[in-house]
Structures are given as C-alpha cells and as structure tokens.
Amino acid sequence: MADHAQAIVIGGGAVGCGVLYGLTKAGWTDVTLVERLDLTAGSTWHAAGNVTYFGHYLGITRLYADSIRIFQ
C-alpha cells in the first residue's frame, strides 16, 4: 500500500466509490480507496437499484440525478 496519497476515501460502498469516481473524473490520480472487506459489502448491497429522481432536499435530488446520469 502507498504511504501517501492526495486523497484517501474510506469505505467502498456506493458513496465511497462515487467519491473516488468523481475525484478521478476531475483529474485526480494520486487517490486511494480503503475498504475493510469487499466493495459494497456493507449497507450498499441491499439498496441496489433504489435510485430515484426525487429527494427530501434539493441537494439530495441533485445527487440522485447525477448518480443516474453517471450510471447511464
């Protein structure tokens, strides 16, 4: 494992993987993801497919819409 990184993302669930994806799309190359077990082995696995276009707050709605755009 590297002993330094520009960013370290802790957790390989949907959010952690999404953050890592966003950083690399923004051009970051010195990034590391740290996961205790397997990717999406935590609470993410039971939420698969539970992506909607609506949320309780505008910021969450934007997050959902961006996620759907990325998945497509």
N, C-alpha and C. Protein backbone atom coordinates (compact mmCIF):
# COMPACT_ATOMS: atom_id res chain seq x y z
N MET A 1 0.85 -1.18 0.00
CA MET A 1 0.00 0.00 0.00
C MET A 1 0.90 1.24 0.00
N ALA A 2 0.46 2.26 -0.69
CA ALA A 2 1.21 3.52 -0.75
C ALA A 2 1.27 4.17 0.63
N ASP A 3 2.32 4.91 0.88
CA ASP A 3 2.44 5.58 2.18
C ASP A 3 1.98 7.03 2.14
N HIS A 4 1.50 7.48 0.97
CA HIS A 4 0.92 8.83 0.86
C HIS A 4 -0.05 8.86 -0.32
N ALA A 5 -0.96 9.81 -0.28
CA ALA A 5 -1.93 9.99 -1.37
C ALA A 5 -2.47 11.41 -1.30
N GLN A 6 -2.91 11.90 -2.42
CA GLN A 6 -3.55 13.22 -2.47
C GLN A 6 -4.87 13.19 -1.72
N ALA A 7 -5.58 12.06 -1.82
CA ALA A 7 -6.84 11.87 -1.10
C ALA A 7 -6.99 10.39 -0.76
N ILE A 8 -7.56 10.13 0.40
CA ILE A 8 -7.88 8.77 0.82
C ILE A 8 -9.37 8.72 1.10
N VAL A 9 -10.07 7.83 0.42
CA VAL A 9 -11.50 7.65 0.62
C VAL A 9 -11.68 6.40 1.48
N ILE A 10 -12.39 6.54 2.58
CA ILE A 10 -12.61 5.42 3.48
C ILE A 10 -14.01 4.87 3.25
N GLY A 11 -14.09 3.61 2.86
CA GLY A 11 -15.36 2.94 2.63
C GLY A 11 -15.63 2.73 1.16
N GLY A 12 -15.83 1.48 0.78
CA GLY A 12 -16.04 1.13 -0.61
C GLY A 12 -17.50 0.85 -0.93
N GLY A 13 -18.39 1.59 -0.31
CA GLY A 13 -19.81 1.48 -0.64
C GLY A 13 -20.14 2.39 -1.80
N ALA A 14 -21.41 2.62 -2.00
CA ALA A 14 -21.86 3.46 -3.12
C ALA A 14 -21.29 4.87 -3.02
N VAL A 15 -21.30 5.44 -1.83
CA VAL A 15 -20.81 6.81 -1.67
C VAL A 15 -19.30 6.87 -1.82
N GLY A 16 -18.58 5.97 -1.17
CA GLY A 16 -17.12 5.96 -1.28
C GLY A 16 -16.66 5.77 -2.71
N CYS A 17 -17.26 4.79 -3.41
CA CYS A 17 -16.90 4.55 -4.81
C CYS A 17 -17.28 5.75 -5.68
N GLY A 18 -18.42 6.37 -5.36
CA GLY A 18 -18.85 7.55 -6.10
C GLY A 18 -17.90 8.72 -5.92
N VAL A 19 -17.44 8.91 -4.69
CA VAL A 19 -16.48 9.99 -4.42
C VAL A 19 -15.18 9.72 -5.16
N LEU A 20 -14.69 8.49 -5.11
CA LEU A 20 -13.46 8.14 -5.82
C LEU A 20 -13.63 8.35 -7.32
N TYR A 21 -14.78 7.94 -7.86
CA TYR A 21 -15.07 8.14 -9.27
C TYR A 21 -15.04 9.63 -9.62
N GLY A 22 -15.71 10.44 -8.80
CA GLY A 22 -15.74 11.88 -9.04
C GLY A 22 -14.36 12.52 -9.01
N LEU A 23 -13.54 12.09 -8.07
CA LEU A 23 -12.18 12.63 -7.99
C LEU A 23 -11.37 12.28 -9.23
N THR A 24 -11.48 11.02 -9.69
CA THR A 24 -10.71 10.64 -10.87
C THR A 24 -11.24 11.32 -12.13
N LYS A 25 -12.57 11.52 -12.21
CA LYS A 25 -13.12 12.26 -13.35
C LYS A 25 -12.63 13.71 -13.35
N ALA A 26 -12.35 14.24 -12.15
CA ALA A 26 -11.85 15.61 -12.03
C ALA A 26 -10.34 15.70 -12.29
N GLY A 27 -9.72 14.55 -12.55
CA GLY A 27 -8.30 14.55 -12.90
C GLY A 27 -7.35 14.15 -11.79
N TRP A 28 -7.87 13.80 -10.62
CA TRP A 28 -7.01 13.37 -9.52
C TRP A 28 -6.47 11.98 -9.85
N THR A 29 -5.18 11.79 -9.68
CA THR A 29 -4.59 10.48 -9.99
C THR A 29 -3.96 9.81 -8.78
N ASP A 30 -3.64 10.56 -7.75
CA ASP A 30 -2.99 10.01 -6.57
C ASP A 30 -4.02 9.83 -5.45
N VAL A 31 -4.98 8.92 -5.67
CA VAL A 31 -6.06 8.69 -4.73
C VAL A 31 -6.10 7.21 -4.33
N THR A 32 -6.58 6.95 -3.13
CA THR A 32 -6.65 5.59 -2.61
C THR A 32 -8.01 5.37 -1.97
N LEU A 33 -8.58 4.19 -2.19
CA LEU A 33 -9.81 3.79 -1.53
C LEU A 33 -9.47 2.68 -0.55
N VAL A 34 -9.92 2.83 0.69
CA VAL A 34 -9.66 1.84 1.73
C VAL A 34 -11.00 1.20 2.12
N GLU A 35 -11.07 -0.12 2.03
CA GLU A 35 -12.28 -0.85 2.38
C GLU A 35 -11.92 -2.01 3.29
N ARG A 36 -12.69 -2.22 4.32
CA ARG A 36 -12.44 -3.28 5.30
C ARG A 36 -12.62 -4.67 4.71
N LEU A 37 -13.66 -4.87 3.93
CA LEU A 37 -13.95 -6.19 3.35
C LEU A 37 -13.98 -6.09 1.84
N ASP A 38 -15.13 -6.37 1.24
CA ASP A 38 -15.29 -6.28 -0.21
C ASP A 38 -16.05 -5.00 -0.56
N LEU A 39 -15.86 -4.52 -1.80
CA LEU A 39 -16.62 -3.36 -2.24
C LEU A 39 -18.11 -3.65 -2.12
N THR A 40 -18.83 -2.70 -1.65
CA THR A 40 -20.29 -2.75 -1.45
C THR A 40 -20.74 -3.89 -0.53
N ALA A 41 -19.85 -4.35 0.35
CA ALA A 41 -20.20 -5.46 1.25
C ALA A 41 -21.01 -4.98 2.47
N GLY A 42 -21.04 -3.68 2.69
CA GLY A 42 -21.75 -3.15 3.85
C GLY A 42 -23.22 -2.92 3.55
N SER A 43 -23.70 -1.74 3.86
CA SER A 43 -25.13 -1.46 3.70
C SER A 43 -25.53 -1.17 2.26
N THR A 44 -24.57 -0.97 1.36
CA THR A 44 -24.89 -0.66 -0.03
C THR A 44 -25.60 -1.80 -0.74
N TRP A 45 -25.25 -3.02 -0.45
CA TRP A 45 -25.76 -4.16 -1.23
C TRP A 45 -27.28 -4.24 -1.22
N HIS A 46 -27.92 -3.90 -0.11
CA HIS A 46 -29.38 -4.03 -0.06
C HIS A 46 -30.11 -2.82 -0.64
N ALA A 47 -29.38 -1.79 -1.02
CA ALA A 47 -30.00 -0.61 -1.61
C ALA A 47 -29.83 -0.57 -3.13
N ALA A 48 -29.26 -1.61 -3.71
CA ALA A 48 -29.02 -1.62 -5.15
C ALA A 48 -30.33 -1.44 -5.90
N GLY A 49 -30.31 -0.55 -6.87
CA GLY A 49 -31.50 -0.28 -7.66
C GLY A 49 -32.45 0.70 -7.00
N ASN A 50 -32.13 1.15 -5.83
CA ASN A 50 -33.00 2.07 -5.10
C ASN A 50 -32.61 3.52 -5.39
N VAL A 51 -32.54 3.85 -6.67
CA VAL A 51 -32.15 5.19 -7.10
C VAL A 51 -33.38 5.87 -7.69
N THR A 52 -33.69 7.05 -7.19
CA THR A 52 -34.86 7.78 -7.66
C THR A 52 -34.45 9.16 -8.14
N TYR A 53 -35.39 9.87 -8.74
CA TYR A 53 -35.15 11.24 -9.17
C TYR A 53 -35.64 12.26 -8.15
N PHE A 54 -36.12 11.83 -7.02
CA PHE A 54 -36.66 12.77 -6.05
C PHE A 54 -36.02 12.55 -4.68
N GLY A 55 -35.99 13.62 -3.90
CA GLY A 55 -35.43 13.54 -2.55
C GLY A 55 -36.09 14.59 -1.68
N HIS A 56 -35.78 14.54 -0.42
CA HIS A 56 -36.37 15.48 0.53
C HIS A 56 -35.75 16.88 0.45
N TYR A 57 -34.54 16.97 -0.08
CA TYR A 57 -33.84 18.24 -0.18
C TYR A 57 -33.29 18.39 -1.59
N LEU A 58 -33.14 19.62 -2.03
CA LEU A 58 -32.65 19.90 -3.38
C LEU A 58 -31.28 19.26 -3.61
N GLY A 59 -30.39 19.35 -2.61
CA GLY A 59 -29.06 18.77 -2.76
C GLY A 59 -29.11 17.27 -2.96
N ILE A 60 -29.99 16.58 -2.26
CA ILE A 60 -30.14 15.14 -2.40
C ILE A 60 -30.72 14.80 -3.77
N THR A 61 -31.69 15.59 -4.23
CA THR A 61 -32.28 15.37 -5.55
C THR A 61 -31.21 15.51 -6.62
N ARG A 62 -30.35 16.49 -6.48
CA ARG A 62 -29.25 16.67 -7.45
C ARG A 62 -28.30 15.48 -7.41
N LEU A 63 -28.01 14.99 -6.20
CA LEU A 63 -27.15 13.81 -6.06
C LEU A 63 -27.76 12.62 -6.78
N TYR A 64 -29.05 12.39 -6.60
CA TYR A 64 -29.74 11.28 -7.27
C TYR A 64 -29.67 11.44 -8.79
N ALA A 65 -29.98 12.63 -9.28
CA ALA A 65 -29.99 12.87 -10.73
C ALA A 65 -28.59 12.68 -11.31
N ASP A 66 -27.55 13.18 -10.63
CA ASP A 66 -26.18 12.99 -11.10
C ASP A 66 -25.81 11.51 -11.10
N SER A 67 -26.24 10.77 -10.07
CA SER A 67 -25.94 9.33 -10.00
C SER A 67 -26.55 8.59 -11.17
N ILE A 68 -27.79 8.91 -11.49
CA ILE A 68 -28.47 8.24 -12.61
C ILE A 68 -27.75 8.57 -13.91
N ARG A 69 -27.35 9.83 -14.08
CA ARG A 69 -26.63 10.23 -15.29
C ARG A 69 -25.32 9.45 -15.41
N ILE A 70 -24.60 9.28 -14.31
CA ILE A 70 -23.33 8.56 -14.33
C ILE A 70 -23.57 7.07 -14.65
N PHE A 71 -24.58 6.48 -14.02
CA PHE A 71 -24.86 5.06 -14.25
C PHE A 71 -25.22 4.79 -15.70
N GLN A 72 -25.93 5.75 -16.34
CA GLN A 72 -26.31 5.56 -17.74
C GLN A 72 -25.10 5.59 -18.63
